[in-house]
């Protein structure tokens, strides 16, 4: 698996593990919140 170089962000070698973990947790939290909102609206649509 080859890593692509990202021009906007720092190279992965210079980023700290805490920063990588923090970014991953933000993405995971946002996707979980989006899933919960999606399930909520689907359940509202089924009730009406």
PDB file of N, CA and C in Angstrom:
ATOM      1  N   UNK A   1       0.840  -1.174   0.000  1.00  0.00           N
ATOM      2  CA  UNK A   1       0.000   0.000   0.000  1.00  0.00           C
ATOM      3  C   UNK A   1       0.885   1.237   0.000  1.00  0.00           C
ATOM      4  N   UNK A   2       0.721   2.083  -0.998  1.00  0.00           N
ATOM      5  CA  UNK A   2       1.560   3.267  -1.130  1.00  0.00           C
ATOM      6  C   UNK A   2       0.822   4.488  -0.627  1.00  0.00           C
ATOM      7  N   UNK A   3       1.514   5.303   0.120  1.00  0.00           N
ATOM      8  CA  UNK A   3       0.885   6.525   0.633  1.00  0.00           C
ATOM      9  C   UNK A   3       1.069   7.644  -0.363  1.00  0.00           C
ATOM     10  N   UNK A   4      -0.021   8.349  -0.626  1.00  0.00           N
ATOM     11  CA  UNK A   4       0.040   9.509  -1.525  1.00  0.00           C
ATOM     12  C   UNK A   4       0.516  10.714  -0.719  1.00  0.00           C
ATOM     13  N   UNK A   5       1.299  11.576  -1.349  1.00  0.00           N
ATOM     14  CA  UNK A   5       1.729  12.795  -0.671  1.00  0.00           C
ATOM     15  C   UNK A   5       0.617  13.824  -0.727  1.00  0.00           C
ATOM     16  N   UNK A   6       0.339  14.417   0.391  1.00  0.00           N
ATOM     17  CA  UNK A   6      -0.718  15.410   0.511  1.00  0.00           C
ATOM     18  C   UNK A   6      -0.076  16.778   0.637  1.00  0.00           C
ATOM     19  N   UNK A   7      -0.394  17.690  -0.283  1.00  0.00           N
ATOM     20  CA  UNK A   7       0.262  18.998  -0.263  1.00  0.00           C
ATOM     21  C   UNK A   7      -0.343  19.927   0.776  1.00  0.00           C
ATOM     22  N   UNK A   8      -1.615  19.742   1.128  1.00  0.00           N
ATOM     23  CA  UNK A   8      -2.254  20.655   2.083  1.00  0.00           C
ATOM     24  C   UNK A   8      -1.826  20.373   3.519  1.00  0.00           C
ATOM     25  N   UNK A   9      -1.609  19.098   3.834  1.00  0.00           N
ATOM     26  CA  UNK A   9      -1.300  18.725   5.207  1.00  0.00           C
ATOM     27  C   UNK A   9       0.187  18.463   5.362  1.00  0.00           C
ATOM     28  N   UNK A  10       0.589  18.329   6.618  1.00  0.00           N
ATOM     29  CA  UNK A  10       1.973  17.989   6.895  1.00  0.00           C
ATOM     30  C   UNK A  10       2.206  16.534   6.483  1.00  0.00           C
ATOM     31  N   UNK A  11       3.435  16.177   6.180  1.00  0.00           N
ATOM     32  CA  UNK A  11       3.710  14.767   5.898  1.00  0.00           C
ATOM     33  C   UNK A  11       3.419  13.917   7.128  1.00  0.00           C
ATOM     34  N   UNK A  12       2.989  12.667   6.945  1.00  0.00           N
ATOM     35  CA  UNK A  12       2.627  11.840   8.109  1.00  0.00           C
ATOM     36  C   UNK A  12       3.773  11.644   9.092  1.00  0.00           C
ATOM     37  N   UNK A  13       5.024  11.736   8.633  1.00  0.00           N
ATOM     38  CA  UNK A  13       6.148  11.515   9.531  1.00  0.00           C
ATOM     39  C   UNK A  13       6.287  12.628  10.572  1.00  0.00           C
ATOM     40  N   UNK A  14       5.860  13.851  10.229  1.00  0.00           N
ATOM     41  CA  UNK A  14       6.040  14.966  11.157  1.00  0.00           C
ATOM     42  C   UNK A  14       4.822  15.191  12.052  1.00  0.00           C
ATOM     43  N   UNK A  15       3.706  14.544  11.742  1.00  0.00           N
ATOM     44  CA  UNK A  15       2.516  14.710  12.584  1.00  0.00           C
ATOM     45  C   UNK A  15       2.640  13.813  13.808  1.00  0.00           C
ATOM     46  N   UNK A  16       2.229  14.317  14.952  1.00  0.00           N
ATOM     47  CA  UNK A  16       2.309  13.523  16.168  1.00  0.00           C
ATOM     48  C   UNK A  16       1.178  12.501  16.196  1.00  0.00           C
ATOM     49  N   UNK A  17       1.391  11.455  16.979  1.00  0.00           N
ATOM     50  CA  UNK A  17       0.364  10.417  17.094  1.00  0.00           C
ATOM     51  C   UNK A  17      -0.915  10.972  17.702  1.00  0.00           C
ATOM     52  N   UNK A  18      -0.767  11.940  18.600  1.00  0.00           N
ATOM     53  CA  UNK A  18      -1.948  12.534  19.220  1.00  0.00           C
ATOM     54  C   UNK A  18      -2.771  13.295  18.188  1.00  0.00           C
ATOM     55  N   UNK A  19      -2.100  14.011  17.287  1.00  0.00           N
ATOM     56  CA  UNK A  19      -2.820  14.756  16.262  1.00  0.00           C
ATOM     57  C   UNK A  19      -3.516  13.814  15.285  1.00  0.00           C
ATOM     58  N   UNK A  20      -2.858  12.727  14.911  1.00  0.00           N
ATOM     59  CA  UNK A  20      -3.473  11.742  14.018  1.00  0.00           C
ATOM     60  C   UNK A  20      -4.685  11.114  14.688  1.00  0.00           C
ATOM     61  N   UNK A  21      -4.538  10.766  15.969  1.00  0.00           N
ATOM     62  CA  UNK A  21      -5.653  10.162  16.709  1.00  0.00           C
ATOM     63  C   UNK A  21      -6.810  11.137  16.838  1.00  0.00           C
ATOM     64  N   UNK A  22      -6.496  12.418  17.120  1.00  0.00           N
ATOM     65  CA  UNK A  22      -7.530  13.437  17.268  1.00  0.00           C
ATOM     66  C   UNK A  22      -8.311  13.613  15.967  1.00  0.00           C
ATOM     67  N   UNK A  23      -7.594  13.674  14.843  1.00  0.00           N
ATOM     68  CA  UNK A  23      -8.272  13.823  13.552  1.00  0.00           C
ATOM     69  C   UNK A  23      -9.138  12.615  13.231  1.00  0.00           C
ATOM     70  N   UNK A  24      -8.640  11.422  13.520  1.00  0.00           N
ATOM     71  CA  UNK A  24      -9.408  10.203  13.266  1.00  0.00           C
ATOM     72  C   UNK A  24     -10.648  10.152  14.147  1.00  0.00           C
ATOM     73  N   UNK A  25     -10.524  10.586  15.392  1.00  0.00           N
ATOM     74  CA  UNK A  25     -11.679  10.594  16.288  1.00  0.00           C
ATOM     75  C   UNK A  25     -12.725  11.606  15.852  1.00  0.00           C
ATOM     76  N   UNK A  26     -12.289  12.753  15.302  1.00  0.00           N
ATOM     77  CA  UNK A  26     -13.249  13.744  14.789  1.00  0.00           C
ATOM     78  C   UNK A  26     -14.046  13.165  13.635  1.00  0.00           C
ATOM     79  N   UNK A  27     -13.368  12.509  12.709  1.00  0.00           N
ATOM     80  CA  UNK A  27     -14.049  11.909  11.560  1.00  0.00           C
ATOM     81  C   UNK A  27     -15.001  10.814  12.023  1.00  0.00           C
ATOM     82  N   UNK A  28     -14.565   9.992  12.958  1.00  0.00           N
ATOM     83  CA  UNK A  28     -15.408   8.917  13.469  1.00  0.00           C
ATOM     84  C   UNK A  28     -16.635   9.480  14.186  1.00  0.00           C
ATOM     85  N   UNK A  29     -16.458  10.525  14.976  1.00  0.00           N
ATOM     86  CA  UNK A  29     -17.574  11.147  15.685  1.00  0.00           C
ATOM     87  C   UNK A  29     -18.570  11.793  14.741  1.00  0.00           C
ATOM     88  N   UNK A  30     -18.075  12.470  13.717  1.00  0.00           N
ATOM     89  CA  UNK A  30     -18.977  13.105  12.748  1.00  0.00           C
ATOM     90  C   UNK A  30     -19.749  12.069  11.947  1.00  0.00           C
ATOM     91  N   UNK A  31     -19.096  10.987  11.570  1.00  0.00           N
ATOM     92  CA  UNK A  31     -19.805   9.956  10.808  1.00  0.00           C
ATOM     93  C   UNK A  31     -20.831   9.246  11.688  1.00  0.00           C
ATOM     94  N   UNK A  32     -20.530   9.048  12.953  1.00  0.00           N
ATOM     95  CA  UNK A  32     -21.496   8.440  13.867  1.00  0.00           C
ATOM     96  C   UNK A  32     -22.701   9.365  14.070  1.00  0.00           C
ATOM     97  N   UNK A  33     -22.450  10.662  14.221  1.00  0.00           N
ATOM     98  CA  UNK A  33     -23.542  11.624  14.370  1.00  0.00           C
ATOM     99  C   UNK A  33     -24.405  11.675  13.111  1.00  0.00           C
ATOM    100  N   UNK A  34     -23.780  11.613  11.936  1.00  0.00           N
ATOM    101  CA  UNK A  34     -24.540  11.608  10.684  1.00  0.00           C
ATOM    102  C   UNK A  34     -25.404  10.359  10.586  1.00  0.00           C
ATOM    103  N   UNK A  35     -24.881   9.219  11.020  1.00  0.00           N
ATOM    104  CA  UNK A  35     -25.658   7.980  10.998  1.00  0.00           C
ATOM    105  C   UNK A  35     -26.859   8.063  11.939  1.00  0.00           C
ATOM    106  N   UNK A  36     -26.657   8.614  13.119  1.00  0.00           N
ATOM    107  CA  UNK A  36     -27.750   8.749  14.089  1.00  0.00           C
ATOM    108  C   UNK A  36     -28.836   9.671  13.536  1.00  0.00           C
ATOM    109  N   UNK A  37     -28.443  10.786  12.923  1.00  0.00           N
ATOM    110  CA  UNK A  37     -29.413  11.712  12.336  1.00  0.00           C
ATOM    111  C   UNK A  37     -30.171  11.046  11.197  1.00  0.00           C
ATOM    112  N   UNK A  38     -29.461  10.269  10.375  1.00  0.00           N
ATOM    113  CA  UNK A  38     -30.098   9.554   9.273  1.00  0.00           C
ATOM    114  C   UNK A  38     -31.133   8.558   9.785  1.00  0.00           C
ATOM    115  N   UNK A  39     -30.792   7.788  10.800  1.00  0.00           N
ATOM    116  CA  UNK A  39     -31.741   6.825  11.382  1.00  0.00           C
ATOM    117  C   UNK A  39     -32.927   7.558  11.990  1.00  0.00           C
ATOM    118  N   UNK A  40     -32.689   8.702  12.627  1.00  0.00           N
ATOM    119  CA  UNK A  40     -33.778   9.478  13.221  1.00  0.00           C
ATOM    120  C   UNK A  40     -34.765   9.935  12.165  1.00  0.00           C
ATOM    121  N   UNK A  41     -34.258  10.500  11.061  1.00  0.00           N
ATOM    122  CA  UNK A  41     -35.168  10.978  10.016  1.00  0.00           C
ATOM    123  C   UNK A  41     -35.878   9.834   9.302  1.00  0.00           C
ATOM    124  N   UNK A  42     -35.224   8.711   9.150  1.00  0.00           N
ATOM    125  CA  UNK A  42     -35.894   7.548   8.540  1.00  0.00           C
ATOM    126  C   UNK A  42     -37.019   7.063   9.442  1.00  0.00           C
ATOM    127  N   UNK A  43     -36.789   7.021  10.740  1.00  0.00           N
ATOM    128  CA  UNK A  43     -37.841   6.568  11.650  1.00  0.00           C
ATOM    129  C   UNK A  43     -39.009   7.559  11.700  1.00  0.00           C
ATOM    130  N   UNK A  44     -38.729   8.854  11.611  1.00  0.00           N
ATOM    131  CA  UNK A  44     -39.795   9.863  11.565  1.00  0.00           C
ATOM    132  C   UNK A  44     -40.618   9.688  10.281  1.00  0.00           C
ATOM    133  N   UNK A  45     -39.941   9.423   9.163  1.00  0.00           N
ATOM    134  CA  UNK A  45     -40.650   9.245   7.890  1.00  0.00           C
ATOM    135  C   UNK A  45     -41.513   7.994   7.908  1.00  0.00           C
ATOM    136  N   UNK A  46     -41.082   6.953   8.563  1.00  0.00           N
ATOM    137  CA  UNK A  46     -41.876   5.729   8.628  1.00  0.00           C
ATOM    138  C   UNK A  46     -43.104   5.908   9.525  1.00  0.00           C
ATOM    139  N   UNK A  47     -43.004   6.741  10.543  1.00  0.00           N
ATOM    140  CA  UNK A  47     -44.133   6.951  11.439  1.00  0.00           C
ATOM    141  C   UNK A  47     -45.230   7.797  10.797  1.00  0.00           C
ATOM    142  N   UNK A  48     -44.871   8.691   9.914  1.00  0.00           N
ATOM    143  CA  UNK A  48     -45.866   9.585   9.338  1.00  0.00           C
ATOM    144  C   UNK A  48     -46.474   9.038   8.056  1.00  0.00           C
TER     145      UNK A  48
END
